[in-house]
């Protein structure tokens, strides 16, 4: 009779531990799902291992970039990573005619901040416009583009733009006031500019929010276990 009374609390404790374990697994599963949705953006290395290169001796691109793009899924907030050198250029346009003609009309060039010849560089291009996006290299008077260094992608909406990319355009330039006239402080939506203003620093940091969420859930789980 005494042994039976001793075992009952132990059995109840084991059941409680099993119940807590199930709860822990469920909460972690929910946390992982939430984190995946919140950070569901992909970095695409253009050309994969081949990178973004052109072989001048053979007049060929390092890989078939059209085929590479066809095997990818692109969404708003994703990023194209061009691993290349200054021997190639990165031109972006939304104009199909510009793309087909391998010209720089109605296009934008990324230079990665390095203009010296034959220097390694990595260029990151965020995808901020839904629909058709075109990329090519116009080096060699357009020869690289004509010989395969060009590709088209279709950008889906996906999760939409993250806060860091979904910001209003900056205010128009205003000339500084002269010494004889002093203008009042500039205000934005009725508030003075501040380092604590989220709009001023590029929006909420998703990574920080996820870390805080993970810390809170972990603390709660530890309380349940003990």
N, C-alpha and C. Protein backbone atom coordinates (compact mmCIF):
# COMPACT_ATOMS: atom_id res chain seq x y z
N UNK A 1 0.83 -1.20 0.00
CA UNK A 1 0.00 0.00 0.00
C UNK A 1 0.87 1.25 0.00
N UNK A 2 1.93 1.21 0.75
CA UNK A 2 2.84 2.36 0.81
C UNK A 2 3.51 2.54 -0.52
N UNK A 3 3.96 1.43 -1.15
CA UNK A 3 4.63 1.53 -2.43
C UNK A 3 3.71 2.11 -3.50
N UNK A 4 2.42 1.73 -3.44
CA UNK A 4 1.46 2.26 -4.40
C UNK A 4 1.30 3.75 -4.26
N UNK A 5 1.27 4.25 -3.00
CA UNK A 5 1.14 5.68 -2.76
C UNK A 5 2.36 6.44 -3.25
N UNK A 6 3.52 5.84 -3.21
CA UNK A 6 4.76 6.50 -3.64
C UNK A 6 4.80 6.60 -5.16
N UNK A 7 4.31 5.54 -5.85
CA UNK A 7 4.42 5.52 -7.30
C UNK A 7 3.43 6.47 -7.97
N UNK A 8 2.28 6.73 -7.33
CA UNK A 8 1.28 7.58 -7.96
C UNK A 8 1.77 8.98 -8.25
N UNK A 9 2.42 9.69 -7.31
CA UNK A 9 2.95 11.01 -7.63
C UNK A 9 3.97 10.96 -8.76
N UNK A 10 4.80 9.89 -8.77
CA UNK A 10 5.80 9.76 -9.83
C UNK A 10 5.14 9.62 -11.20
N UNK A 11 4.04 8.82 -11.27
CA UNK A 11 3.32 8.65 -12.51
C UNK A 11 2.69 9.96 -12.96
N UNK A 12 2.14 10.69 -12.00
CA UNK A 12 1.55 11.99 -12.33
C UNK A 12 2.61 12.97 -12.84
N UNK A 13 3.81 12.92 -12.25
CA UNK A 13 4.90 13.80 -12.68
C UNK A 13 5.34 13.45 -14.10
N UNK A 14 5.41 12.16 -14.43
CA UNK A 14 5.82 11.74 -15.77
C UNK A 14 4.81 12.21 -16.80
N UNK A 15 3.52 12.11 -16.46
CA UNK A 15 2.48 12.56 -17.39
C UNK A 15 2.58 14.06 -17.62
N UNK A 16 2.88 14.79 -16.54
CA UNK A 16 3.01 16.24 -16.65
C UNK A 16 4.20 16.61 -17.53
N UNK A 17 5.31 15.88 -17.34
CA UNK A 17 6.50 16.13 -18.16
C UNK A 17 6.21 15.84 -19.63
N UNK A 18 5.47 14.76 -19.92
CA UNK A 18 5.13 14.42 -21.30
C UNK A 18 4.25 15.50 -21.92
N UNK A 19 3.30 16.00 -21.09
CA UNK A 19 2.42 17.06 -21.59
C UNK A 19 3.22 18.33 -21.90
N UNK A 20 4.17 18.67 -21.00
CA UNK A 20 5.01 19.85 -21.22
C UNK A 20 5.88 19.70 -22.47
N UNK A 21 6.36 18.47 -22.69
CA UNK A 21 7.20 18.22 -23.87
C UNK A 21 6.42 18.46 -25.14
N UNK A 22 5.18 17.99 -25.19
CA UNK A 22 4.34 18.21 -26.36
C UNK A 22 4.09 19.69 -26.57
N UNK A 23 3.86 20.41 -25.47
CA UNK A 23 3.62 21.85 -25.56
C UNK A 23 4.85 22.57 -26.09
N UNK A 24 6.03 22.14 -25.61
CA UNK A 24 7.29 22.75 -26.05
C UNK A 24 7.47 22.55 -27.55
N UNK A 25 7.24 21.32 -28.04
CA UNK A 25 7.40 21.03 -29.46
C UNK A 25 6.43 21.84 -30.29
N UNK A 26 5.19 21.99 -29.80
CA UNK A 26 4.18 22.74 -30.53
C UNK A 26 4.57 24.21 -30.62
N UNK A 27 5.06 24.78 -29.51
CA UNK A 27 5.44 26.19 -29.50
C UNK A 27 6.65 26.45 -30.39
N UNK A 28 7.62 25.53 -30.37
CA UNK A 28 8.79 25.71 -31.22
C UNK A 28 8.41 25.57 -32.70
N UNK A 29 7.48 24.66 -32.99
CA UNK A 29 7.02 24.54 -34.37
C UNK A 29 6.36 25.82 -34.83
N UNK A 30 5.54 26.42 -33.95
CA UNK A 30 4.89 27.69 -34.29
C UNK A 30 5.92 28.79 -34.47
N UNK A 31 6.94 28.82 -33.62
CA UNK A 31 7.99 29.83 -33.71
C UNK A 31 8.77 29.71 -35.01
N UNK A 32 9.10 28.48 -35.40
CA UNK A 32 9.84 28.27 -36.64
C UNK A 32 9.02 28.71 -37.84
N UNK A 33 7.72 28.39 -37.82
CA UNK A 33 6.84 28.79 -38.92
C UNK A 33 6.77 30.30 -39.03
N UNK A 34 6.63 30.98 -37.85
CA UNK A 34 6.56 32.43 -37.83
C UNK A 34 7.84 33.05 -38.37
N UNK A 35 9.00 32.50 -37.97
CA UNK A 35 10.28 33.04 -38.42
C UNK A 35 10.46 32.85 -39.92
N UNK A 36 9.98 31.70 -40.45
CA UNK A 36 10.11 31.45 -41.87
C UNK A 36 9.31 32.45 -42.68
N UNK A 37 8.09 32.75 -42.22
CA UNK A 37 7.25 33.71 -42.92
C UNK A 37 7.85 35.10 -42.86
N UNK A 38 8.37 35.46 -41.66
CA UNK A 38 8.88 36.81 -41.48
C UNK A 38 10.18 37.06 -42.23
N UNK A 39 10.97 36.02 -42.43
CA UNK A 39 12.27 36.22 -43.08
C UNK A 39 12.36 35.42 -44.38
N UNK A 40 11.23 35.23 -45.07
CA UNK A 40 11.20 34.40 -46.25
C UNK A 40 11.73 35.08 -47.49
N UNK A 41 12.96 35.57 -47.45
CA UNK A 41 13.60 36.22 -48.59
C UNK A 41 14.87 35.44 -48.95
N UNK A 42 15.18 35.41 -50.24
CA UNK A 42 16.27 34.58 -50.74
C UNK A 42 17.33 35.40 -51.43
N UNK A 43 18.59 35.06 -51.19
CA UNK A 43 19.71 35.62 -51.94
C UNK A 43 20.03 34.66 -53.09
N UNK A 44 20.01 35.18 -54.32
CA UNK A 44 20.28 34.36 -55.51
C UNK A 44 21.65 34.75 -56.07
N UNK A 45 22.61 33.85 -56.01
CA UNK A 45 23.93 34.11 -56.61
C UNK A 45 23.82 33.88 -58.11
N UNK A 46 23.91 34.95 -58.88
CA UNK A 46 23.69 34.88 -60.33
C UNK A 46 24.69 33.93 -60.98
N UNK A 47 24.19 32.95 -61.71
CA UNK A 47 25.04 31.98 -62.38
C UNK A 47 25.50 30.85 -61.49
N UNK A 48 25.10 30.87 -60.22
CA UNK A 48 25.54 29.83 -59.29
C UNK A 48 27.04 29.86 -59.10
N UNK A 49 27.67 28.70 -59.15
CA UNK A 49 29.12 28.63 -58.95
C UNK A 49 29.91 29.33 -60.07
N UNK A 50 29.29 29.45 -61.24
CA UNK A 50 29.99 30.08 -62.38
C UNK A 50 30.15 31.58 -62.19
N UNK A 51 29.27 32.19 -61.40
CA UNK A 51 29.34 33.63 -61.20
C UNK A 51 28.91 34.41 -62.43
N UNK A 52 29.27 35.69 -62.44
CA UNK A 52 28.90 36.61 -63.54
C UNK A 52 30.18 36.99 -64.28
N UNK A 53 30.57 36.13 -65.24
CA UNK A 53 31.85 36.31 -65.93
C UNK A 53 31.71 36.08 -67.43
N UNK A 54 32.65 36.69 -68.17
CA UNK A 54 32.70 36.53 -69.63
C UNK A 54 34.12 36.14 -70.02
N UNK A 55 34.23 35.09 -70.85
CA UNK A 55 35.54 34.62 -71.31
C UNK A 55 35.89 35.33 -72.61
N UNK A 56 36.80 36.30 -72.51
CA UNK A 56 37.13 37.12 -73.68
C UNK A 56 37.83 36.32 -74.78
N UNK A 57 38.56 35.27 -74.41
CA UNK A 57 39.29 34.49 -75.41
C UNK A 57 38.36 33.69 -76.30
N UNK A 58 37.27 33.22 -75.73
CA UNK A 58 36.32 32.41 -76.50
C UNK A 58 35.05 33.18 -76.85
N UNK A 59 34.94 34.43 -76.32
CA UNK A 59 33.75 35.25 -76.56
C UNK A 59 32.47 34.52 -76.12
N UNK A 60 32.54 33.91 -74.94
CA UNK A 60 31.38 33.19 -74.40
C UNK A 60 31.18 33.57 -72.94
N UNK A 61 29.95 33.48 -72.48
CA UNK A 61 29.66 33.72 -71.08
C UNK A 61 30.01 32.48 -70.26
N UNK A 62 30.21 32.68 -68.97
CA UNK A 62 30.66 31.58 -68.10
C UNK A 62 29.61 30.48 -67.99
N UNK A 63 28.34 30.82 -68.18
CA UNK A 63 27.26 29.82 -68.13
C UNK A 63 26.08 30.37 -68.89
N UNK A 64 25.04 29.56 -69.00
CA UNK A 64 23.81 30.01 -69.66
C UNK A 64 22.93 30.68 -68.62
N UNK A 65 22.93 32.00 -68.59
CA UNK A 65 22.22 32.74 -67.55
C UNK A 65 20.70 32.67 -67.72
N UNK A 66 20.24 32.50 -68.94
CA UNK A 66 18.80 32.34 -69.16
C UNK A 66 18.32 31.04 -68.51
N UNK A 67 19.07 29.96 -68.69
CA UNK A 67 18.72 28.68 -68.07
C UNK A 67 18.80 28.77 -66.55
N UNK A 68 19.84 29.45 -66.06
CA UNK A 68 19.96 29.61 -64.61
C UNK A 68 18.73 30.32 -64.05
N UNK A 69 18.32 31.42 -64.68
CA UNK A 69 17.17 32.19 -64.18
C UNK A 69 15.88 31.39 -64.25
N UNK A 70 15.76 30.53 -65.27
CA UNK A 70 14.54 29.74 -65.44
C UNK A 70 14.35 28.74 -64.31
N UNK A 71 15.41 28.39 -63.61
CA UNK A 71 15.33 27.42 -62.52
C UNK A 71 15.23 28.07 -61.15
N UNK A 72 15.01 29.38 -61.11
CA UNK A 72 14.91 30.10 -59.85
C UNK A 72 13.48 30.65 -59.68
N UNK A 73 13.12 30.92 -58.45
CA UNK A 73 11.86 31.59 -58.14
C UNK A 73 12.19 32.90 -57.44
N UNK A 74 11.77 34.01 -58.02
CA UNK A 74 12.13 35.33 -57.51
C UNK A 74 10.90 36.02 -56.93
N UNK A 75 11.10 36.67 -55.78
CA UNK A 75 10.01 37.39 -55.12
C UNK A 75 10.50 38.75 -54.65
N UNK A 76 9.56 39.65 -54.41
CA UNK A 76 9.92 40.95 -53.85
C UNK A 76 10.71 40.77 -52.56
N UNK A 77 11.74 41.56 -52.39
CA UNK A 77 12.57 41.47 -51.19
C UNK A 77 13.75 40.54 -51.34
N UNK A 78 13.74 39.68 -52.37
CA UNK A 78 14.90 38.83 -52.64
C UNK A 78 16.06 39.71 -53.13
N UNK A 79 17.23 39.10 -53.24
CA UNK A 79 18.41 39.87 -53.65
C UNK A 79 19.23 39.05 -54.66
N UNK A 80 19.63 39.72 -55.74
CA UNK A 80 20.55 39.11 -56.70
C UNK A 80 21.97 39.43 -56.28
N UNK A 81 22.83 38.41 -56.21
CA UNK A 81 24.23 38.58 -55.85
C UNK A 81 25.08 38.33 -57.08
N UNK A 82 25.70 39.38 -57.60
CA UNK A 82 26.58 39.25 -58.76
C UNK A 82 28.02 39.11 -58.27
N UNK A 83 28.57 37.91 -58.36
CA UNK A 83 29.98 37.66 -58.01
C UNK A 83 30.76 37.80 -59.31
N UNK A 84 31.53 38.88 -59.46
CA UNK A 84 32.09 39.21 -60.76
C UNK A 84 33.39 39.99 -60.61
N UNK A 85 33.82 40.63 -61.69
CA UNK A 85 34.95 41.56 -61.67
C UNK A 85 34.54 42.81 -62.45
N UNK A 86 35.41 43.80 -62.43
CA UNK A 86 35.12 45.04 -63.15
C UNK A 86 35.25 44.87 -64.66
N UNK A 87 35.61 43.69 -65.15
CA UNK A 87 35.65 43.43 -66.59
C UNK A 87 34.24 43.27 -67.16
N UNK A 88 33.25 43.05 -66.29
CA UNK A 88 31.86 42.94 -66.68
C UNK A 88 31.08 44.09 -66.03
N UNK A 89 29.92 44.36 -66.57
CA UNK A 89 29.05 45.36 -65.95
C UNK A 89 27.74 44.69 -65.53
N UNK A 90 27.00 45.38 -64.67
CA UNK A 90 25.68 44.92 -64.27
C UNK A 90 24.69 46.03 -64.61
N UNK A 91 23.88 45.79 -65.65
CA UNK A 91 22.89 46.75 -66.10
C UNK A 91 21.51 46.20 -65.80
N UNK A 92 20.66 47.04 -65.22
CA UNK A 92 19.29 46.63 -64.93
C UNK A 92 18.32 47.55 -65.67
N UNK A 93 17.26 46.96 -66.22
CA UNK A 93 16.23 47.75 -66.88
C UNK A 93 14.89 47.04 -66.75
N UNK A 94 13.81 47.81 -66.90
CA UNK A 94 12.47 47.24 -66.95
C UNK A 94 11.90 47.37 -68.36
N UNK A 95 12.75 47.80 -69.29
CA UNK A 95 12.36 48.05 -70.66
C UNK A 95 12.85 46.89 -71.55
N UNK A 96 11.92 46.14 -72.12
CA UNK A 96 12.32 44.97 -72.90
C UNK A 96 13.09 45.36 -74.16
N UNK A 97 12.74 46.49 -74.77
CA UNK A 97 13.44 46.94 -75.97
C UNK A 97 14.90 47.25 -75.67
N UNK A 98 15.13 47.93 -74.57
CA UNK A 98 16.51 48.21 -74.13
C UNK A 98 17.28 46.93 -73.93
N UNK A 99 16.63 45.95 -73.31
CA UNK A 99 17.25 44.66 -73.04
C UNK A 99 17.62 43.93 -74.34
N UNK A 100 16.69 43.90 -75.28
CA UNK A 100 16.92 43.17 -76.53
C UNK A 100 17.99 43.85 -77.40
N UNK A 101 18.09 45.16 -77.28
CA UNK A 101 19.08 45.89 -78.08
C UNK A 101 20.44 46.00 -77.39
N UNK A 102 20.52 45.52 -76.13
CA UNK A 102 21.78 45.57 -75.37
C UNK A 102 22.32 47.00 -75.28
N UNK A 103 21.42 47.95 -75.08
CA UNK A 103 21.82 49.34 -74.92
C UNK A 103 21.54 49.80 -73.50
N UNK A 104 22.05 50.96 -73.15
CA UNK A 104 21.86 51.46 -71.79
C UNK A 104 20.79 52.53 -71.71
N UNK A 105 19.99 52.69 -72.78
CA UNK A 105 18.87 53.62 -72.73
C UNK A 105 17.85 53.12 -71.72
N UNK A 106 17.37 54.02 -70.87
CA UNK A 106 16.36 53.66 -69.87
C UNK A 106 16.84 52.49 -69.01
N UNK A 107 18.08 52.57 -68.56
CA UNK A 107 18.66 51.49 -67.75
C UNK A 107 19.50 52.10 -66.63
N UNK A 108 19.86 51.25 -65.68
CA UNK A 108 20.67 51.68 -64.55
C UNK A 108 21.86 50.75 -64.41
N UNK A 109 23.03 51.30 -64.17
CA UNK A 109 24.25 50.50 -64.02
C UNK A 109 24.72 50.49 -62.58
N UNK A 110 25.05 49.28 -62.09
CA UNK A 110 25.66 49.11 -60.77
C UNK A 110 27.16 48.91 -60.98
N UNK A 111 27.96 49.66 -60.25
CA UNK A 111 29.41 49.49 -60.42
C UNK A 111 30.10 48.95 -59.17
N UNK A 112 29.38 48.79 -58.08
CA UNK A 112 29.97 48.22 -56.88
C UNK A 112 31.01 49.10 -56.22
N UNK A 113 31.16 50.35 -56.68
CA UNK A 113 32.10 51.27 -56.07
C UNK A 113 33.53 51.08 -56.50
N UNK A 114 33.80 50.25 -57.51
CA UNK A 114 35.17 49.99 -57.95
C UNK A 114 35.23 50.19 -59.47
N UNK A 115 36.08 51.08 -59.92
CA UNK A 115 36.19 51.37 -61.35
C UNK A 115 37.51 50.91 -61.97
N UNK A 116 38.41 50.32 -61.18
CA UNK A 116 39.67 49.80 -61.72
C UNK A 116 39.42 48.51 -62.50
N UNK A 117 40.19 48.30 -63.56
CA UNK A 117 40.00 47.15 -64.43
C UNK A 117 40.47 45.87 -63.74
N UNK A 118 39.73 44.77 -63.99
CA UNK A 118 40.09 43.43 -63.53
C UNK A 118 40.16 43.32 -62.00
N UNK A 119 39.24 43.99 -61.32
CA UNK A 119 39.17 43.93 -59.86
C UNK A 119 37.93 43.14 -59.43
N UNK A 120 38.11 42.23 -58.48
CA UNK A 120 36.99 41.44 -57.99
C UNK A 120 36.00 42.32 -57.23
N UNK A 121 34.74 42.02 -57.38
CA UNK A 121 33.73 42.75 -56.63
C UNK A 121 32.45 41.93 -56.57
N UNK A 122 31.64 42.24 -55.59
CA UNK A 122 30.33 41.62 -55.42
C UNK A 122 29.28 42.72 -55.40
N UNK A 123 28.28 42.57 -56.24
CA UNK A 123 27.23 43.57 -56.35
C UNK A 123 25.91 42.94 -55.90
N UNK A 124 25.23 43.60 -54.98
CA UNK A 124 23.95 43.13 -54.48
C UNK A 124 22.84 44.01 -55.04
N UNK A 125 21.85 43.37 -55.66
CA UNK A 125 20.74 44.10 -56.27
C UNK A 125 19.43 43.61 -55.66
N UNK A 126 18.77 44.40 -54.82
CA UNK A 126 17.48 43.98 -54.26
C UNK A 126 16.38 44.03 -55.31
N UNK A 127 15.43 43.13 -55.21
CA UNK A 127 14.31 43.09 -56.13
C UNK A 127 13.14 43.86 -55.51
N UNK A 128 12.87 45.02 -56.05
CA UNK A 128 11.87 45.92 -55.45
C UNK A 128 10.68 46.19 -56.36
N UNK A 129 10.72 45.70 -57.62
CA UNK A 129 9.64 45.93 -58.57
C UNK A 129 9.08 44.59 -59.03
N UNK A 130 7.78 44.42 -58.88
CA UNK A 130 7.13 43.18 -59.29
C UNK A 130 7.00 43.13 -60.81
N UNK A 131 7.11 41.93 -61.37
CA UNK A 131 6.98 41.76 -62.81
C UNK A 131 8.31 41.49 -63.49
N UNK A 132 8.43 41.88 -64.76
CA UNK A 132 9.63 41.59 -65.55
C UNK A 132 10.78 42.51 -65.17
N UNK A 133 11.94 41.91 -64.88
CA UNK A 133 13.19 42.63 -64.63
C UNK A 133 14.24 42.06 -65.58
N UNK A 134 15.06 42.94 -66.16
CA UNK A 134 16.06 42.51 -67.14
C UNK A 134 17.46 42.92 -66.68
N UNK A 135 18.43 42.03 -66.90
CA UNK A 135 19.81 42.29 -66.50
C UNK A 135 20.75 41.86 -67.62
N UNK A 136 21.83 42.62 -67.79
CA UNK A 136 22.83 42.25 -68.79
C UNK A 136 24.12 43.01 -68.54
N UNK A 137 25.18 42.62 -69.26
CA UNK A 137 26.46 43.32 -69.24
C UNK A 137 26.67 43.98 -70.59
N UNK A 138 26.94 45.30 -70.59
CA UNK A 138 27.13 46.00 -71.86
C UNK A 138 28.61 46.19 -72.20
N UNK A 139 29.50 45.53 -71.43
CA UNK A 139 30.93 45.68 -71.69
C UNK A 139 31.28 45.20 -73.09
N UNK A 140 32.37 45.77 -73.64
CA UNK A 140 32.78 45.42 -75.01
C UNK A 140 31.82 45.96 -76.04
N UNK A 141 31.27 47.15 -75.77
CA UNK A 141 30.30 47.77 -76.69
C UNK A 141 29.10 46.87 -76.94
N UNK A 142 28.67 46.18 -75.89
CA UNK A 142 27.48 45.35 -76.00
C UNK A 142 27.74 43.92 -76.43
N UNK A 143 28.99 43.58 -76.72
CA UNK A 143 29.31 42.23 -77.18
C UNK A 143 28.98 41.18 -76.12
N UNK A 144 29.30 41.48 -74.85
CA UNK A 144 29.03 40.51 -73.79
C UNK A 144 27.54 40.19 -73.70
N UNK A 145 26.72 41.22 -73.80
CA UNK A 145 25.26 41.01 -73.79
C UNK A 145 24.83 40.16 -74.98
N UNK A 146 25.34 40.49 -76.15
CA UNK A 146 24.97 39.76 -77.37
C UNK A 146 25.42 38.31 -77.34
N UNK A 147 26.47 38.04 -76.57
CA UNK A 147 27.04 36.69 -76.51
C UNK A 147 26.59 35.89 -75.28
N UNK A 148 25.51 36.34 -74.66
CA UNK A 148 24.91 35.50 -73.61
C UNK A 148 24.88 36.07 -72.21
N UNK A 149 25.54 37.20 -71.96
CA UNK A 149 25.53 37.76 -70.60
C UNK A 149 24.29 38.64 -70.42
N UNK A 150 23.14 37.97 -70.40
CA UNK A 150 21.86 38.66 -70.25
C UNK A 150 20.82 37.65 -69.77
N UNK A 151 19.89 38.11 -68.96
CA UNK A 151 18.80 37.24 -68.53
C UNK A 151 17.61 38.07 -68.07
N UNK A 152 16.46 37.44 -68.12
CA UNK A 152 15.20 38.05 -67.69
C UNK A 152 14.64 37.26 -66.52
N UNK A 153 14.04 37.95 -65.56
CA UNK A 153 13.38 37.27 -64.46
C UNK A 153 11.98 37.85 -64.28
N UNK A 154 11.10 37.06 -63.69
CA UNK A 154 9.76 37.51 -63.33
C UNK A 154 9.67 37.52 -61.81
N UNK A 155 9.47 38.67 -61.24
CA UNK A 155 9.43 38.82 -59.78
C UNK A 155 7.99 38.73 -59.29
N UNK A 156 7.74 37.78 -58.40
CA UNK A 156 6.42 37.61 -57.82
C UNK A 156 6.26 38.53 -56.61
N UNK A 157 5.03 38.62 -56.11
CA UNK A 157 4.79 39.46 -54.92
C UNK A 157 5.37 38.80 -53.67
N UNK A 158 5.17 37.47 -53.55
CA UNK A 158 5.69 36.76 -52.37
C UNK A 158 5.17 37.34 -51.07
N UNK A 159 6.09 37.62 -50.15
CA UNK A 159 5.73 38.23 -48.86
C UNK A 159 5.69 39.75 -48.94
N UNK A 160 5.93 40.30 -50.13
CA UNK A 160 6.00 41.76 -50.24
C UNK A 160 7.36 42.26 -49.78
N UNK A 161 7.56 43.54 -49.90
CA UNK A 161 8.85 44.12 -49.52
C UNK A 161 9.01 44.14 -48.00
N UNK A 162 10.22 43.87 -47.48
CA UNK A 162 10.47 44.03 -46.05
C UNK A 162 10.48 45.51 -45.69
N UNK A 163 10.30 45.85 -44.41
CA UNK A 163 10.26 47.27 -44.02
C UNK A 163 11.48 48.05 -44.47
N UNK A 164 12.65 47.43 -44.50
CA UNK A 164 13.88 48.15 -44.86
C UNK A 164 13.88 48.59 -46.32
N UNK A 165 13.08 47.93 -47.18
CA UNK A 165 13.02 48.31 -48.59
C UNK A 165 11.71 49.01 -48.95
N UNK A 166 10.74 48.95 -48.06
CA UNK A 166 9.42 49.52 -48.34
C UNK A 166 9.28 50.87 -47.65
N UNK A 167 10.09 51.82 -48.08
CA UNK A 167 10.11 53.15 -47.49
C UNK A 167 9.68 54.20 -48.52
N UNK A 168 9.07 55.29 -48.08
CA UNK A 168 8.71 56.35 -49.02
C UNK A 168 9.97 57.01 -49.57
N UNK A 169 9.88 57.63 -50.75
CA UNK A 169 11.06 58.30 -51.31
C UNK A 169 11.50 59.45 -50.42
N UNK A 170 12.79 59.80 -50.46
CA UNK A 170 13.27 60.91 -49.63
C UNK A 170 12.64 62.22 -50.06
N UNK A 171 12.54 63.19 -49.16
CA UNK A 171 11.96 64.49 -49.51
C UNK A 171 12.83 65.20 -50.54
N UNK A 172 12.25 66.08 -51.34
CA UNK A 172 13.04 66.80 -52.34
C UNK A 172 14.09 67.68 -51.69
N UNK A 173 15.16 67.92 -52.45
CA UNK A 173 16.25 68.75 -51.94
C UNK A 173 15.77 70.18 -51.72
N UNK A 174 16.12 70.74 -50.58
CA UNK A 174 15.79 72.13 -50.25
C UNK A 174 17.09 72.85 -49.96
N UNK A 175 17.30 73.96 -50.63
CA UNK A 175 18.54 74.72 -50.45
C UNK A 175 18.63 75.24 -49.03
N UNK A 176 19.85 75.20 -48.46
CA UNK A 176 20.06 75.67 -47.09
C UNK A 176 19.71 77.15 -46.99
N UNK A 177 19.10 77.56 -45.87
CA UNK A 177 18.74 78.98 -45.71
C UNK A 177 19.97 79.86 -45.63
N UNK A 178 19.82 81.10 -46.04
CA UNK A 178 20.92 82.06 -45.97
C UNK A 178 21.13 82.52 -44.54
N UNK A 179 22.21 83.25 -44.32
CA UNK A 179 22.52 83.74 -42.97
C UNK A 179 21.50 84.75 -42.48
N UNK A 180 20.81 85.42 -43.41
CA UNK A 180 19.89 86.49 -42.99
C UNK A 180 18.51 85.96 -42.66
N UNK A 181 18.21 84.74 -43.08
CA UNK A 181 16.89 84.18 -42.79
C UNK A 181 17.05 82.78 -42.24
N UNK A 182 16.40 82.50 -41.16
CA UNK A 182 16.51 81.20 -40.51
C UNK A 182 15.17 80.48 -40.61
N UNK A 183 15.19 79.29 -41.18
CA UNK A 183 13.96 78.53 -41.33
C UNK A 183 13.69 77.72 -40.07
N UNK A 184 12.40 77.42 -39.81
CA UNK A 184 12.08 76.57 -38.65
C UNK A 184 12.54 75.15 -38.87
N UNK A 185 12.67 74.34 -37.82
CA UNK A 185 13.10 72.94 -37.98
C UNK A 185 12.14 72.19 -38.90
N UNK A 186 12.71 71.28 -39.70
CA UNK A 186 11.89 70.47 -40.61
C UNK A 186 11.15 69.42 -39.81
N UNK A 187 9.87 69.24 -40.11
CA UNK A 187 9.07 68.22 -39.42
C UNK A 187 8.54 67.24 -40.44
N UNK A 188 8.37 66.00 -40.03
CA UNK A 188 7.82 64.96 -40.88
C UNK A 188 6.59 64.40 -40.20
N UNK A 189 5.41 64.60 -40.83
CA UNK A 189 4.15 64.14 -40.27
C UNK A 189 3.92 64.67 -38.85
N UNK A 190 4.32 65.90 -38.66
CA UNK A 190 4.07 66.53 -37.38
C UNK A 190 5.08 66.20 -36.32
N UNK A 191 6.13 65.45 -36.63
CA UNK A 191 7.13 65.06 -35.65
C UNK A 191 8.50 65.56 -36.09
N UNK A 192 9.31 65.94 -35.13
CA UNK A 192 10.67 66.37 -35.45
C UNK A 192 11.53 65.16 -35.75
N UNK A 193 12.48 65.27 -36.68
CA UNK A 193 13.37 64.14 -36.97
C UNK A 193 14.10 63.70 -35.72
N UNK A 194 14.22 62.37 -35.56
CA UNK A 194 14.87 61.85 -34.37
C UNK A 194 15.52 60.53 -34.72
N UNK A 195 16.57 60.20 -34.01
CA UNK A 195 17.22 58.91 -34.20
C UNK A 195 16.31 57.78 -33.77
N UNK A 196 15.30 58.08 -32.95
CA UNK A 196 14.37 57.06 -32.52
C UNK A 196 13.20 56.90 -33.48
N UNK A 197 13.14 57.72 -34.49
CA UNK A 197 12.09 57.63 -35.49
C UNK A 197 12.37 56.45 -36.39
N UNK A 198 11.46 55.46 -36.45
CA UNK A 198 11.72 54.25 -37.22
C UNK A 198 11.87 54.55 -38.70
N UNK A 199 11.08 55.52 -39.20
CA UNK A 199 11.18 55.84 -40.62
C UNK A 199 12.55 56.37 -40.96
N UNK A 200 13.21 57.04 -40.00
CA UNK A 200 14.51 57.64 -40.28
C UNK A 200 15.62 56.61 -40.35
N UNK A 201 15.41 55.49 -39.71
CA UNK A 201 16.48 54.48 -39.69
C UNK A 201 16.15 53.28 -40.55
N UNK A 202 15.17 53.41 -41.42
CA UNK A 202 14.91 52.33 -42.37
C UNK A 202 13.96 51.28 -41.90
N UNK A 203 13.09 51.56 -40.90
CA UNK A 203 12.05 50.64 -40.50
C UNK A 203 12.48 49.70 -39.40
N UNK A 204 11.54 48.84 -38.98
CA UNK A 204 11.78 47.90 -37.90
C UNK A 204 12.75 46.82 -38.32
N UNK A 205 13.69 46.50 -37.46
CA UNK A 205 14.66 45.45 -37.74
C UNK A 205 14.02 44.09 -37.46
N UNK A 206 13.70 43.35 -38.53
CA UNK A 206 13.01 42.07 -38.38
C UNK A 206 13.83 41.08 -37.57
N UNK A 207 15.14 41.07 -37.77
CA UNK A 207 15.99 40.15 -37.03
C UNK A 207 15.94 40.37 -35.54
N UNK A 208 15.93 41.65 -35.10
CA UNK A 208 15.85 41.96 -33.68
C UNK A 208 14.53 41.49 -33.11
N UNK A 209 13.42 41.72 -33.87
CA UNK A 209 12.10 41.29 -33.39
C UNK A 209 12.05 39.79 -33.21
N UNK A 210 12.64 39.03 -34.16
CA UNK A 210 12.63 37.58 -34.05
C UNK A 210 13.46 37.10 -32.86
N UNK A 211 14.59 37.76 -32.63
CA UNK A 211 15.42 37.39 -31.48
C UNK A 211 14.66 37.61 -30.18
N UNK A 212 13.97 38.75 -30.07
CA UNK A 212 13.19 39.04 -28.86
C UNK A 212 12.07 38.02 -28.69
N UNK A 213 11.40 37.66 -29.83
CA UNK A 213 10.34 36.67 -29.76
C UNK A 213 10.87 35.33 -29.30
N UNK A 214 12.02 34.92 -29.85
CA UNK A 214 12.63 33.65 -29.46
C UNK A 214 13.00 33.65 -27.99
N UNK A 215 13.55 34.77 -27.48
CA UNK A 215 13.93 34.86 -26.07
C UNK A 215 12.71 34.72 -25.18
N UNK A 216 11.59 35.38 -25.56
CA UNK A 216 10.38 35.33 -24.75
C UNK A 216 9.80 33.94 -24.70
N UNK A 217 9.75 33.26 -25.86
CA UNK A 217 9.20 31.90 -25.90
C UNK A 217 10.08 30.95 -25.12
N UNK A 218 11.39 31.10 -25.26
CA UNK A 218 12.32 30.22 -24.53
C UNK A 218 12.15 30.37 -23.02
N UNK A 219 12.02 31.62 -22.56
CA UNK A 219 11.83 31.87 -21.12
C UNK A 219 10.56 31.21 -20.62
N UNK A 220 9.47 31.32 -21.42
CA UNK A 220 8.20 30.72 -21.03
C UNK A 220 8.31 29.20 -20.97
N UNK A 221 9.03 28.63 -21.95
CA UNK A 221 9.19 27.18 -21.98
C UNK A 221 9.99 26.69 -20.79
N UNK A 222 11.03 27.41 -20.42
CA UNK A 222 11.84 27.03 -19.28
C UNK A 222 11.00 27.05 -18.00
N UNK A 223 10.08 28.04 -17.90
CA UNK A 223 9.20 28.13 -16.73
C UNK A 223 8.31 26.91 -16.66
N UNK A 224 7.76 26.50 -17.83
CA UNK A 224 6.88 25.32 -17.86
C UNK A 224 7.64 24.05 -17.45
N UNK A 225 8.87 23.94 -17.93
CA UNK A 225 9.65 22.72 -17.62
C UNK A 225 9.93 22.62 -16.14
N UNK A 226 10.35 23.73 -15.54
CA UNK A 226 10.71 23.67 -14.11
C UNK A 226 9.47 23.74 -13.22
